[in-house]
Amino acid sequence: MKNTFVAISSAGPNRDPSKSTREQPLWDEHAVFIDELVVEGFVLMGGPFVDEGGSMLIVNADDEIKVREKLKSDPWMKHGILKLESVKRWQIFIDVRN
């Protein structure tokens, strides 16, 4: 059974604070990676934190280990643009989209 998780990332050591999200190194590769995770149903929602350089993803996975394994392959994680800070299982009580 799949569970919902929140994955929080901060700006990694190789993020350029003078550039916007889409101007960061390896943006195209990162975008393709995330788009693939959306298509396979892993990423449900996500996006950057404004003015912080980090991000949050809402994902669907069996367990925390699978979340961490999957996100390790993100080009931004591999190259230090983002740093995964936490993965927490999330029980949704309120969702006005449904």
PDB file of N, CA and C in Angstrom:
ATOM      1  N   MET A   1       0.831  -1.185   0.000  1.00  0.00           N
ATOM      2  CA  MET A   1       0.000   0.000   0.000  1.00  0.00           C
ATOM      3  C   MET A   1       0.879   1.253   0.000  1.00  0.00           C
ATOM      4  N   LYS A   2       0.526   2.216  -0.807  1.00  0.00           N
ATOM      5  CA  LYS A   2       1.285   3.456  -0.891  1.00  0.00           C
ATOM      6  C   LYS A   2       0.888   4.397   0.243  1.00  0.00           C
ATOM      7  N   ASN A   3       1.857   5.158   0.692  1.00  0.00           N
ATOM      8  CA  ASN A   3       1.663   6.167   1.717  1.00  0.00           C
ATOM      9  C   ASN A   3       2.067   7.518   1.150  1.00  0.00           C
ATOM     10  N   THR A   4       1.597   8.574   1.775  1.00  0.00           N
ATOM     11  CA  THR A   4       1.975   9.930   1.367  1.00  0.00           C
ATOM     12  C   THR A   4       3.106  10.410   2.261  1.00  0.00           C
ATOM     13  N   PHE A   5       4.117  11.010   1.626  1.00  0.00           N
ATOM     14  CA  PHE A   5       5.269  11.546   2.343  1.00  0.00           C
ATOM     15  C   PHE A   5       5.521  12.979   1.909  1.00  0.00           C
ATOM     16  N   VAL A   6       6.100  13.754   2.822  1.00  0.00           N
ATOM     17  CA  VAL A   6       6.564  15.105   2.527  1.00  0.00           C
ATOM     18  C   VAL A   6       8.094  15.053   2.557  1.00  0.00           C
ATOM     19  N   ALA A   7       8.709  15.460   1.463  1.00  0.00           N
ATOM     20  CA  ALA A   7      10.172  15.509   1.381  1.00  0.00           C
ATOM     21  C   ALA A   7      10.589  16.972   1.321  1.00  0.00           C
ATOM     22  N   ILE A   8      11.368  17.388   2.309  1.00  0.00           N
ATOM     23  CA  ILE A   8      11.826  18.774   2.404  1.00  0.00           C
ATOM     24  C   ILE A   8      13.314  18.825   2.061  1.00  0.00           C
ATOM     25  N   SER A   9      13.653  19.718   1.155  1.00  0.00           N
ATOM     26  CA  SER A   9      15.051  19.928   0.776  1.00  0.00           C
ATOM     27  C   SER A   9      15.446  21.371   1.032  1.00  0.00           C
ATOM     28  N   SER A  10      16.725  21.567   1.300  1.00  0.00           N
ATOM     29  CA  SER A  10      17.261  22.917   1.452  1.00  0.00           C
ATOM     30  C   SER A  10      18.212  23.179   0.291  1.00  0.00           C
ATOM     31  N   ALA A  11      18.646  24.421   0.178  1.00  0.00           N
ATOM     32  CA  ALA A  11      19.637  24.768  -0.841  1.00  0.00           C
ATOM     33  C   ALA A  11      20.927  24.006  -0.536  1.00  0.00           C
ATOM     34  N   GLY A  12      21.460  23.359  -1.545  1.00  0.00           N
ATOM     35  CA  GLY A  12      22.713  22.637  -1.375  1.00  0.00           C
ATOM     36  C   GLY A  12      23.906  23.571  -1.506  1.00  0.00           C
ATOM     37  N   PRO A  13      25.100  23.057  -1.230  1.00  0.00           N
ATOM     38  CA  PRO A  13      26.302  23.887  -1.275  1.00  0.00           C
ATOM     39  C   PRO A  13      26.643  24.413  -2.671  1.00  0.00           C
ATOM     40  N   ASN A  14      26.113  23.777  -3.710  1.00  0.00           N
ATOM     41  CA  ASN A  14      26.420  24.210  -5.074  1.00  0.00           C
ATOM     42  C   ASN A  14      25.307  25.027  -5.725  1.00  0.00           C
ATOM     43  N   ARG A  15      24.310  25.406  -4.947  1.00  0.00           N
ATOM     44  CA  ARG A  15      23.267  26.285  -5.471  1.00  0.00           C
ATOM     45  C   ARG A  15      23.832  27.696  -5.562  1.00  0.00           C
ATOM     46  N   ASP A  16      23.533  28.361  -6.648  1.00  0.00           N
ATOM     47  CA  ASP A  16      23.979  29.733  -6.838  1.00  0.00           C
ATOM     48  C   ASP A  16      22.876  30.673  -6.354  1.00  0.00           C
ATOM     49  N   PRO A  17      23.051  31.322  -5.199  1.00  0.00           N
ATOM     50  CA  PRO A  17      21.984  32.172  -4.658  1.00  0.00           C
ATOM     51  C   PRO A  17      21.684  33.410  -5.506  1.00  0.00           C
ATOM     52  N   SER A  18      22.561  33.737  -6.425  1.00  0.00           N
ATOM     53  CA  SER A  18      22.321  34.907  -7.277  1.00  0.00           C
ATOM     54  C   SER A  18      21.421  34.572  -8.470  1.00  0.00           C
ATOM     55  N   LYS A  19      21.073  33.276  -8.629  1.00  0.00           N
ATOM     56  CA  LYS A  19      20.263  32.856  -9.775  1.00  0.00           C
ATOM     57  C   LYS A  19      18.927  32.289  -9.305  1.00  0.00           C
ATOM     58  N   SER A  20      17.927  32.431 -10.160  1.00  0.00           N
ATOM     59  CA  SER A  20      16.601  31.879  -9.854  1.00  0.00           C
ATOM     60  C   SER A  20      16.626  30.357 -10.008  1.00  0.00           C
ATOM     61  N   THR A  21      15.532  29.733  -9.608  1.00  0.00           N
ATOM     62  CA  THR A  21      15.432  28.274  -9.673  1.00  0.00           C
ATOM     63  C   THR A  21      15.738  27.744 -11.069  1.00  0.00           C
ATOM     64  N   ARG A  22      15.113  28.308 -12.073  1.00  0.00           N
ATOM     65  CA  ARG A  22      15.279  27.806 -13.447  1.00  0.00           C
ATOM     66  C   ARG A  22      16.620  28.179 -14.068  1.00  0.00           C
ATOM     67  N   GLU A  23      17.396  29.027 -13.404  1.00  0.00           N
ATOM     68  CA  GLU A  23      18.724  29.392 -13.887  1.00  0.00           C
ATOM     69  C   GLU A  23      19.831  28.565 -13.234  1.00  0.00           C
ATOM     70  N   GLN A  24      19.473  27.695 -12.298  1.00  0.00           N
ATOM     71  CA  GLN A  24      20.471  26.883 -11.610  1.00  0.00           C
ATOM     72  C   GLN A  24      21.105  25.885 -12.577  1.00  0.00           C
ATOM     73  N   PRO A  25      22.344  25.468 -12.292  1.00  0.00           N
ATOM     74  CA  PRO A  25      22.973  24.436 -13.124  1.00  0.00           C
ATOM     75  C   PRO A  25      22.104  23.174 -13.145  1.00  0.00           C
ATOM     76  N   LEU A  26      22.088  22.509 -14.274  1.00  0.00           N
ATOM     77  CA  LEU A  26      21.376  21.244 -14.455  1.00  0.00           C
ATOM     78  C   LEU A  26      19.858  21.361 -14.312  1.00  0.00           C
ATOM     79  N   TRP A  27      19.317  22.566 -14.544  1.00  0.00           N
ATOM     80  CA  TRP A  27      17.864  22.747 -14.449  1.00  0.00           C
ATOM     81  C   TRP A  27      17.130  21.794 -15.384  1.00  0.00           C
ATOM     82  N   ASP A  28      17.547  21.693 -16.641  1.00  0.00           N
ATOM     83  CA  ASP A  28      16.831  20.858 -17.607  1.00  0.00           C
ATOM     84  C   ASP A  28      16.812  19.403 -17.172  1.00  0.00           C
ATOM     85  N   GLU A  29      17.949  18.909 -16.694  1.00  0.00           N
ATOM     86  CA  GLU A  29      18.039  17.518 -16.248  1.00  0.00           C
ATOM     87  C   GLU A  29      17.152  17.273 -15.020  1.00  0.00           C
ATOM     88  N   HIS A  30      17.152  18.224 -14.098  1.00  0.00           N
ATOM     89  CA  HIS A  30      16.314  18.131 -12.903  1.00  0.00           C
ATOM     90  C   HIS A  30      14.836  18.122 -13.302  1.00  0.00           C
ATOM     91  N   ALA A  31      14.444  19.010 -14.202  1.00  0.00           N
ATOM     92  CA  ALA A  31      13.046  19.101 -14.630  1.00  0.00           C
ATOM     93  C   ALA A  31      12.587  17.806 -15.301  1.00  0.00           C
ATOM     94  N   VAL A  32      13.421  17.224 -16.137  1.00  0.00           N
ATOM     95  CA  VAL A  32      13.081  15.948 -16.786  1.00  0.00           C
ATOM     96  C   VAL A  32      12.909  14.852 -15.737  1.00  0.00           C
ATOM     97  N   PHE A  33      13.810  14.808 -14.768  1.00  0.00           N
ATOM     98  CA  PHE A  33      13.741  13.812 -13.696  1.00  0.00           C
ATOM     99  C   PHE A  33      12.427  13.936 -12.921  1.00  0.00           C
ATOM    100  N   ILE A  34      12.087  15.145 -12.513  1.00  0.00           N
ATOM    101  CA  ILE A  34      10.856  15.362 -11.746  1.00  0.00           C
ATOM    102  C   ILE A  34       9.631  15.051 -12.602  1.00  0.00           C
ATOM    103  N   ASP A  35       9.640  15.469 -13.860  1.00  0.00           N
ATOM    104  CA  ASP A  35       8.515  15.167 -14.752  1.00  0.00           C
ATOM    105  C   ASP A  35       8.289  13.665 -14.871  1.00  0.00           C
ATOM    106  N   GLU A  36       9.358  12.886 -14.931  1.00  0.00           N
ATOM    107  CA  GLU A  36       9.240  11.426 -15.002  1.00  0.00           C
ATOM    108  C   GLU A  36       8.607  10.869 -13.729  1.00  0.00           C
ATOM    109  N   LEU A  37       8.964  11.449 -12.571  1.00  0.00           N
ATOM    110  CA  LEU A  37       8.386  10.992 -11.309  1.00  0.00           C
ATOM    111  C   LEU A  37       6.900  11.337 -11.218  1.00  0.00           C
ATOM    112  N   VAL A  38       6.500  12.444 -11.839  1.00  0.00           N
ATOM    113  CA  VAL A  38       5.084  12.811 -11.889  1.00  0.00           C
ATOM    114  C   VAL A  38       4.328  11.799 -12.745  1.00  0.00           C
ATOM    115  N   VAL A  39       4.872  11.487 -13.918  1.00  0.00           N
ATOM    116  CA  VAL A  39       4.219  10.546 -14.834  1.00  0.00           C
ATOM    117  C   VAL A  39       4.027   9.177 -14.172  1.00  0.00           C
ATOM    118  N   GLU A  40       5.016   8.725 -13.416  1.00  0.00           N
ATOM    119  CA  GLU A  40       4.888   7.405 -12.781  1.00  0.00           C
ATOM    120  C   GLU A  40       4.047   7.434 -11.502  1.00  0.00           C
ATOM    121  N   GLY A  41       3.552   8.617 -11.101  1.00  0.00           N
ATOM    122  CA  GLY A  41       2.676   8.713  -9.947  1.00  0.00           C
ATOM    123  C   GLY A  41       3.388   8.823  -8.614  1.00  0.00           C
ATOM    124  N   PHE A  42       4.689   9.033  -8.644  1.00  0.00           N
ATOM    125  CA  PHE A  42       5.463   9.173  -7.407  1.00  0.00           C
ATOM    126  C   PHE A  42       5.296  10.576  -6.824  1.00  0.00           C
ATOM    127  N   VAL A  43       5.501  11.609  -7.641  1.00  0.00           N
ATOM    128  CA  VAL A  43       5.340  12.996  -7.179  1.00  0.00           C
ATOM    129  C   VAL A  43       3.901  13.438  -7.418  1.00  0.00           C
ATOM    130  N   LEU A  44       3.259  13.903  -6.347  1.00  0.00           N
ATOM    131  CA  LEU A  44       1.889  14.400  -6.424  1.00  0.00           C
ATOM    132  C   LEU A  44       1.843  15.917  -6.542  1.00  0.00           C
ATOM    133  N   MET A  45       2.718  16.583  -5.793  1.00  0.00           N
ATOM    134  CA  MET A  45       2.807  18.048  -5.800  1.00  0.00           C
ATOM    135  C   MET A  45       4.237  18.415  -5.447  1.00  0.00           C
ATOM    136  N   GLY A  46       4.648  19.608  -5.827  1.00  0.00           N
ATOM    137  CA  GLY A  46       5.973  20.043  -5.435  1.00  0.00           C
ATOM    138  C   GLY A  46       6.300  21.417  -5.955  1.00  0.00           C
ATOM    139  N   GLY A  47       7.363  21.960  -5.398  1.00  0.00           N
ATOM    140  CA  GLY A  47       7.823  23.257  -5.858  1.00  0.00           C
ATOM    141  C   GLY A  47       8.813  23.862  -4.884  1.00  0.00           C
ATOM    142  N   PRO A  48       9.449  24.937  -5.336  1.00  0.00           N
ATOM    143  CA  PRO A  48      10.468  25.587  -4.513  1.00  0.00           C
ATOM    144  C   PRO A  48       9.857  26.472  -3.433  1.00  0.00           C
ATOM    145  N   PHE A  49      10.616  26.649  -2.363  1.00  0.00           N
ATOM    146  CA  PHE A  49      10.265  27.652  -1.360  1.00  0.00           C
ATOM    147  C   PHE A  49      10.735  29.002  -1.890  1.00  0.00           C
ATOM    148  N   VAL A  50       9.891  29.987  -1.782  1.00  0.00           N
ATOM    149  CA  VAL A  50      10.216  31.319  -2.273  1.00  0.00           C
ATOM    150  C   VAL A  50      11.322  31.919  -1.400  1.00  0.00           C
ATOM    151  N   ASP A  51      12.363  32.424  -2.035  1.00  0.00           N
ATOM    152  CA  ASP A  51      13.472  33.119  -1.366  1.00  0.00           C
ATOM    153  C   ASP A  51      14.317  32.253  -0.442  1.00  0.00           C
ATOM    154  N   GLU A  52      14.222  30.922  -0.543  1.00  0.00           N
ATOM    155  CA  GLU A  52      15.022  30.068   0.328  1.00  0.00           C
ATOM    156  C   GLU A  52      15.954  29.135  -0.429  1.00  0.00           C
ATOM    157  N   GLY A  53      15.600  28.792  -1.648  1.00  0.00           N
ATOM    158  CA  GLY A  53      16.435  27.881  -2.421  1.00  0.00           C
ATOM    159  C   GLY A  53      16.161  26.418  -2.162  1.00  0.00           C
ATOM    160  N   GLY A  54      15.268  26.109  -1.238  1.00  0.00           N
ATOM    161  CA  GLY A  54      14.897  24.730  -0.977  1.00  0.00           C
ATOM    162  C   GLY A  54      13.592  24.392  -1.667  1.00  0.00           C
ATOM    163  N   SER A  55      13.063  23.201  -1.362  1.00  0.00           N
ATOM    164  CA  SER A  55      11.817  22.794  -1.998  1.00  0.00           C
ATOM    165  C   SER A  55      11.061  21.793  -1.132  1.00  0.00           C
ATOM    166  N   MET A  56       9.826  21.541  -1.532  1.00  0.00           N
ATOM    167  CA  MET A  56       9.005  20.533  -0.878  1.00  0.00           C
ATOM    168  C   MET A  56       8.327  19.699  -1.953  1.00  0.00           C
ATOM    169  N   LEU A  57       8.339  18.387  -1.751  1.00  0.00           N
ATOM    170  CA  LEU A  57       7.621  17.471  -2.621  1.00  0.00           C
ATOM    171  C   LEU A  57       6.640  16.670  -1.776  1.00  0.00           C
ATOM    172  N   ILE A  58       5.456  16.453  -2.315  1.00  0.00           N
ATOM    173  CA  ILE A  58       4.493  15.527  -1.738  1.00  0.00           C
ATOM    174  C   ILE A  58       4.551  14.303  -2.643  1.00  0.00           C
ATOM    175  N   VAL A  59       4.880  13.148  -2.057  1.00  0.00           N
ATOM    176  CA  VAL A  59       5.103  11.961  -2.873  1.00  0.00           C
ATOM    177  C   VAL A  59       4.303  10.772  -2.355  1.00  0.00           C
ATOM    178  N   ASN A  60       4.155   9.803  -3.232  1.00  0.00           N
ATOM    179  CA  ASN A  60       3.452   8.563  -2.975  1.00  0.00           C
ATOM    180  C   ASN A  60       4.477   7.433  -2.987  1.00  0.00           C
ATOM    181  N   ALA A  61       4.638   6.710  -1.880  1.00  0.00           N
ATOM    182  CA  ALA A  61       5.633   5.634  -1.837  1.00  0.00           C
ATOM    183  C   ALA A  61       5.256   4.617  -0.770  1.00  0.00           C
ATOM    184  N   ASP A  62       5.881   3.457  -0.852  1.00  0.00           N
ATOM    185  CA  ASP A  62       5.639   2.412   0.142  1.00  0.00           C
ATOM    186  C   ASP A  62       6.205   2.795   1.501  1.00  0.00           C
ATOM    187  N   ASP A  63       7.424   3.361   1.488  1.00  0.00           N
ATOM    188  CA  ASP A  63       8.082   3.687   2.747  1.00  0.00           C
ATOM    189  C   ASP A  63       9.133   4.778   2.544  1.00  0.00           C
ATOM    190  N   GLU A  64       9.664   5.264   3.641  1.00  0.00           N
ATOM    191  CA  GLU A  64      10.649   6.355   3.607  1.00  0.00           C
ATOM    192  C   GLU A  64      11.909   5.963   2.837  1.00  0.00           C
ATOM    193  N   ILE A  65      12.321   4.726   2.955  1.00  0.00           N
ATOM    194  CA  ILE A  65      13.529   4.267   2.265  1.00  0.00           C
ATOM    195  C   ILE A  65      13.363   4.420   0.757  1.00  0.00           C
ATOM    196  N   LYS A  66      12.191   4.077   0.238  1.00  0.00           N
ATOM    197  CA  LYS A  66      11.938   4.203  -1.209  1.00  0.00           C
ATOM    198  C   LYS A  66      11.980   5.673  -1.644  1.00  0.00           C
ATOM    199  N   VAL A  67      11.474   6.555  -0.790  1.00  0.00           N
ATOM    200  CA  VAL A  67      11.498   7.987  -1.108  1.00  0.00           C
ATOM    201  C   VAL A  67      12.953   8.447  -1.213  1.00  0.00           C
ATOM    202  N   ARG A  68      13.748   8.122  -0.217  1.00  0.00           N
ATOM    203  CA  ARG A  68      15.154   8.544  -0.208  1.00  0.00           C
ATOM    204  C   ARG A  68      15.930   7.950  -1.386  1.00  0.00           C
ATOM    205  N   GLU A  69      15.695   6.683  -1.687  1.00  0.00           N
ATOM    206  CA  GLU A  69      16.375   6.039  -2.815  1.00  0.00           C
ATOM    207  C   GLU A  69      16.033   6.721  -4.129  1.00  0.00           C
ATOM    208  N   LYS A  70      14.756   7.006  -4.325  1.00  0.00           N
ATOM    209  CA  LYS A  70      14.303   7.622  -5.572  1.00  0.00           C
ATOM    210  C   LYS A  70      14.900   9.021  -5.735  1.00  0.00           C
ATOM    211  N   LEU A  71      14.864   9.817  -4.666  1.00  0.00           N
ATOM    212  CA  LEU A  71      15.334  11.202  -4.770  1.00  0.00           C
ATOM    213  C   LEU A  71      16.854  11.306  -4.884  1.00  0.00           C
ATOM    214  N   LYS A  72      17.570  10.269  -4.480  1.00  0.00           N
ATOM    215  CA  LYS A  72      19.032  10.253  -4.635  1.00  0.00           C
ATOM    216  C   LYS A  72      19.454  10.402  -6.095  1.00  0.00           C
ATOM    217  N   SER A  73      18.583   9.972  -7.003  1.00  0.00           N
ATOM    218  CA  SER A  73      18.907  10.016  -8.432  1.00  0.00           C
ATOM    219  C   SER A  73      18.655  11.372  -9.079  1.00  0.00           C
ATOM    220  N   ASP A  74      18.066  12.299  -8.335  1.00  0.00           N
ATOM    221  CA  ASP A  74      17.816  13.648  -8.866  1.00  0.00           C
ATOM    222  C   ASP A  74      19.168  14.303  -9.159  1.00  0.00           C
ATOM    223  N   PRO A  75      19.371  14.797 -10.384  1.00  0.00           N
ATOM    224  CA  PRO A  75      20.636  15.469 -10.702  1.00  0.00           C
ATOM    225  C   PRO A  75      20.983  16.597  -9.727  1.00  0.00           C
ATOM    226  N   TRP A  76      19.978  17.286  -9.212  1.00  0.00           N
ATOM    227  CA  TRP A  76      20.255  18.357  -8.254  1.00  0.00           C
ATOM    228  C   TRP A  76      20.737  17.806  -6.917  1.00  0.00           C
ATOM    229  N   MET A  77      20.268  16.654  -6.518  1.00  0.00           N
ATOM    230  CA  MET A  77      20.766  16.033  -5.279  1.00  0.00           C
ATOM    231  C   MET A  77      22.193  15.527  -5.488  1.00  0.00           C
ATOM    232  N   LYS A  78      22.406  14.890  -6.615  1.00  0.00           N
ATOM    233  CA  LYS A  78      23.739  14.339  -6.928  1.00  0.00           C
ATOM    234  C   LYS A  78      24.806  15.419  -6.969  1.00  0.00           C
ATOM    235  N   HIS A  79      24.443  16.605  -7.461  1.00  0.00           N
ATOM    236  CA  HIS A  79      25.425  17.676  -7.680  1.00  0.00           C
ATOM    237  C   HIS A  79      25.342  18.811  -6.664  1.00  0.00           C
ATOM    238  N   GLY A  80      24.623  18.602  -5.575  1.00  0.00           N
ATOM    239  CA  GLY A  80      24.628  19.572  -4.483  1.00  0.00           C
ATOM    240  C   GLY A  80      23.856  20.850  -4.711  1.00  0.00           C
ATOM    241  N   ILE A  81      22.918  20.861  -5.660  1.00  0.00           N
ATOM    242  CA  ILE A  81      22.063  22.037  -5.837  1.00  0.00           C
ATOM    243  C   ILE A  81      20.983  22.022  -4.747  1.00  0.00           C
ATOM    244  N   LEU A  82      20.511  20.816  -4.422  1.00  0.00           N
ATOM    245  CA  LEU A  82      19.570  20.605  -3.326  1.00  0.00           C
ATOM    246  C   LEU A  82      20.156  19.589  -2.356  1.00  0.00           C
ATOM    247  N   LYS A  83      19.719  19.693  -1.105  1.00  0.00           N
ATOM    248  CA  LYS A  83      20.116  18.735  -0.071  1.00  0.00           C
ATOM    249  C   LYS A  83      18.848  18.256   0.624  1.00  0.00           C
ATOM    250  N   LEU A  84      18.602  16.945   0.605  1.00  0.00           N
ATOM    251  CA  LEU A  84      17.419  16.396   1.250  1.00  0.00           C
ATOM    252  C   LEU A  84      17.570  16.518   2.764  1.00  0.00           C
ATOM    253  N   GLU A  85      16.651  17.226   3.390  1.00  0.00           N
ATOM    254  CA  GLU A  85      16.703  17.463   4.835  1.00  0.00           C
ATOM    255  C   GLU A  85      15.851  16.475   5.628  1.00  0.00           C
ATOM    256  N   SER A  86      14.645  16.205   5.133  1.00  0.00           N
ATOM    257  CA  SER A  86      13.774  15.294   5.878  1.00  0.00           C
ATOM    258  C   SER A  86      12.740  14.652   4.965  1.00  0.00           C
ATOM    259  N   VAL A  87      12.309  13.478   5.387  1.00  0.00           N
ATOM    260  CA  VAL A  87      11.210  12.759   4.746  1.00  0.00           C
ATOM    261  C   VAL A  87      10.289  12.318   5.877  1.00  0.00           C
ATOM    262  N   LYS A  88       9.047  12.755   5.806  1.00  0.00           N
ATOM    263  CA  LYS A  88       8.093  12.427   6.870  1.00  0.00           C
ATOM    264  C   LYS A  88       6.808  11.879   6.264  1.00  0.00           C
ATOM    265  N   ARG A  89       6.318  10.809   6.866  1.00  0.00           N
ATOM    266  CA  ARG A  89       5.028  10.271   6.436  1.00  0.00           C
ATOM    267  C   ARG A  89       3.951  11.259   6.859  1.00  0.00           C
ATOM    268  N   TRP A  90       2.993  11.469   5.971  1.00  0.00           N
ATOM    269  CA  TRP A  90       1.979  12.496   6.190  1.00  0.00           C
ATOM    270  C   TRP A  90       0.594  11.887   6.040  1.00  0.00           C
ATOM    271  N   GLN A  91      -0.242  12.066   7.028  1.00  0.00           N
ATOM    272  CA  GLN A  91      -1.617  11.634   6.960  1.00  0.00           C
ATOM    273  C   GLN A  91      -2.479  12.840   6.630  1.00  0.00           C
ATOM    274  N   ILE A  92      -3.097  12.798   5.482  1.00  0.00           N
ATOM    275  CA  ILE A  92      -3.895  13.940   5.019  1.00  0.00           C
ATOM    276  C   ILE A  92      -5.292  13.864   5.622  1.00  0.00           C
ATOM    277  N   PHE A  93      -5.672  14.908   6.340  1.00  0.00           N
ATOM    278  CA  PHE A  93      -7.017  15.008   6.909  1.00  0.00           C
ATOM    279  C   PHE A  93      -7.892  15.931   6.063  1.00  0.00           C
ATOM    280  N   ILE A  94      -7.283  16.966   5.500  1.00  0.00           N
ATOM    281  CA  ILE A  94      -8.042  17.971   4.751  1.00  0.00           C
ATOM    282  C   ILE A  94      -7.464  18.085   3.349  1.00  0.00           C
ATOM    283  N   ASP A  95      -8.353  17.982   2.355  1.00  0.00           N
ATOM    284  CA  ASP A  95      -7.925  18.149   0.970  1.00  0.00           C
ATOM    285  C   ASP A  95      -9.124  18.681   0.190  1.00  0.00           C
ATOM    286  N   VAL A  96      -9.177  19.973  -0.018  1.00  0.00           N
ATOM    287  CA  VAL A  96     -10.314  20.600  -0.690  1.00  0.00           C
ATOM    288  C   VAL A  96     -10.333  20.346  -2.198  1.00  0.00           C
ATOM    289  N   ARG A  97      -9.257  19.757  -2.713  1.00  0.00           N
ATOM    290  CA  ARG A  97      -9.222  19.467  -4.153  1.00  0.00           C
ATOM    291  C   ARG A  97     -10.150  18.327  -4.529  1.00  0.00           C
ATOM    292  N   ASN A  98     -10.534  17.497  -3.598  1.00  0.00           N
ATOM    293  CA  ASN A  98     -11.387  16.335  -3.920  1.00  0.00           C
ATOM    294  C   ASN A  98     -12.851  16.639  -3.715  1.00  0.00           C
TER     295      ASN A  98
END
